[in-house]
Amino acid sequence: MTTIKINDTYRVEIHNYDFVLIKHNDKYDATLGYFPSLKHALSWLKREEAKSLGTLTIDEYINELRKLESWTGEILNEQKN
């Protein structure tokens, strides 16, 4: 198993068939989901972060989604090189 530390709170564990997104806190680790790829796990995490932005116009929300796609694309392109 391989573990990718995203930050002090989140990590992704790579298993044989999936990528497991895990949230760590002082008391325990919580599994947030099982994903088919790293991109899917990161996209889910960023969409969760976008939920905390409060009220957005549709244009602002679409812009946040574009930033998300750009961010995950950049991460995956760095892995290929």
Protein backbone atom coordinates (compact mmCIF):
# COMPACT_ATOMS: atom_id res chain seq x y z
CA MET A 1 0.00 0.00 0.00
CA THR A 2 1.15 3.51 -0.82
CA THR A 3 0.08 6.61 1.12
CA ILE A 4 -0.03 10.11 -0.35
CA LYS A 5 -0.10 12.86 2.28
CA ILE A 6 -2.14 15.79 1.01
CA ASN A 7 -1.73 17.85 4.19
CA ASP A 8 -1.88 17.28 7.96
CA THR A 9 -5.60 16.49 7.73
CA TYR A 10 -6.03 14.47 4.53
CA ARG A 11 -4.27 11.56 2.88
CA VAL A 12 -4.96 9.07 0.11
CA GLU A 13 -4.11 5.41 0.49
CA ILE A 14 -3.62 3.50 -2.73
CA HIS A 15 -4.90 -0.05 -2.54
CA ASN A 16 -4.98 -2.71 -5.26
CA TYR A 17 -8.30 -1.58 -6.72
CA ASP A 18 -9.03 1.88 -5.39
CA PHE A 19 -7.84 5.13 -3.85
CA VAL A 20 -9.10 5.70 -0.30
CA LEU A 21 -9.47 9.29 0.89
CA ILE A 22 -8.96 9.57 4.65
CA LYS A 23 -9.42 12.49 7.03
CA HIS A 24 -7.32 12.52 10.20
CA ASN A 25 -8.18 14.29 13.42
CA ASP A 26 -6.88 14.01 16.97
CA LYS A 27 -9.18 11.15 17.95
CA TYR A 28 -9.49 8.94 14.86
CA ASP A 29 -9.20 8.58 11.10
CA ALA A 30 -12.36 8.71 9.00
CA THR A 31 -12.66 7.15 5.56
CA LEU A 32 -14.35 9.69 3.31
CA GLY A 33 -14.64 7.56 0.21
CA TYR A 34 -13.27 5.01 -2.22
CA PHE A 35 -12.36 6.32 -5.67
CA PRO A 36 -11.23 4.76 -8.96
CA SER A 37 -8.37 7.27 -9.40
CA LEU A 38 -6.38 9.94 -7.60
CA LYS A 39 -8.06 12.59 -9.74
CA HIS A 40 -11.50 11.48 -8.52
CA ALA A 41 -10.37 11.59 -4.89
CA LEU A 42 -8.86 15.06 -5.26
CA SER A 43 -11.89 16.34 -7.15
CA TRP A 44 -14.20 15.13 -4.40
CA LEU A 45 -12.05 16.82 -1.77
CA LYS A 46 -11.99 20.12 -3.65
CA ARG A 47 -15.76 20.00 -4.23
CA GLU A 48 -16.21 19.55 -0.48
CA GLU A 49 -14.05 22.62 0.08
CA ALA A 50 -16.18 24.58 -2.41
CA LYS A 51 -19.28 23.82 -0.31
CA SER A 52 -17.86 25.95 2.49
CA LEU A 53 -17.60 29.06 0.31
CA GLY A 54 -21.14 30.15 1.15
CA THR A 55 -23.44 31.77 -1.35
CA LEU A 56 -22.02 32.05 -4.86
CA THR A 57 -23.43 33.21 -8.14
CA ILE A 58 -23.57 30.59 -10.87
CA ASP A 59 -20.58 32.24 -12.57
CA GLU A 60 -18.55 32.14 -9.35
CA TYR A 61 -19.41 28.47 -8.83
CA ILE A 62 -18.48 27.57 -12.42
CA ASN A 63 -15.22 29.46 -11.95
CA GLU A 64 -14.52 27.39 -8.81
CA LEU A 65 -15.18 24.20 -10.80
CA ARG A 66 -12.79 25.37 -13.52
CA LYS A 67 -10.11 26.00 -10.91
CA LEU A 68 -10.76 22.50 -9.59
CA GLU A 69 -10.33 20.94 -13.04
CA SER A 70 -7.18 22.97 -13.61
CA TRP A 71 -5.75 21.98 -10.22
CA THR A 72 -6.42 18.26 -10.57
CA GLY A 73 -5.17 18.31 -14.15
CA GLU A 74 -1.92 19.97 -13.08
CA ILE A 75 -1.42 17.40 -10.31
CA LEU A 76 -1.94 14.48 -12.67
CA ASN A 77 0.27 15.97 -15.39
CA GLU A 78 3.09 16.36 -12.84
CA GLN A 79 2.78 12.66 -11.99
CA LYS A 80 3.17 11.63 -15.65
CA ASN A 81 6.42 13.57 -16.13
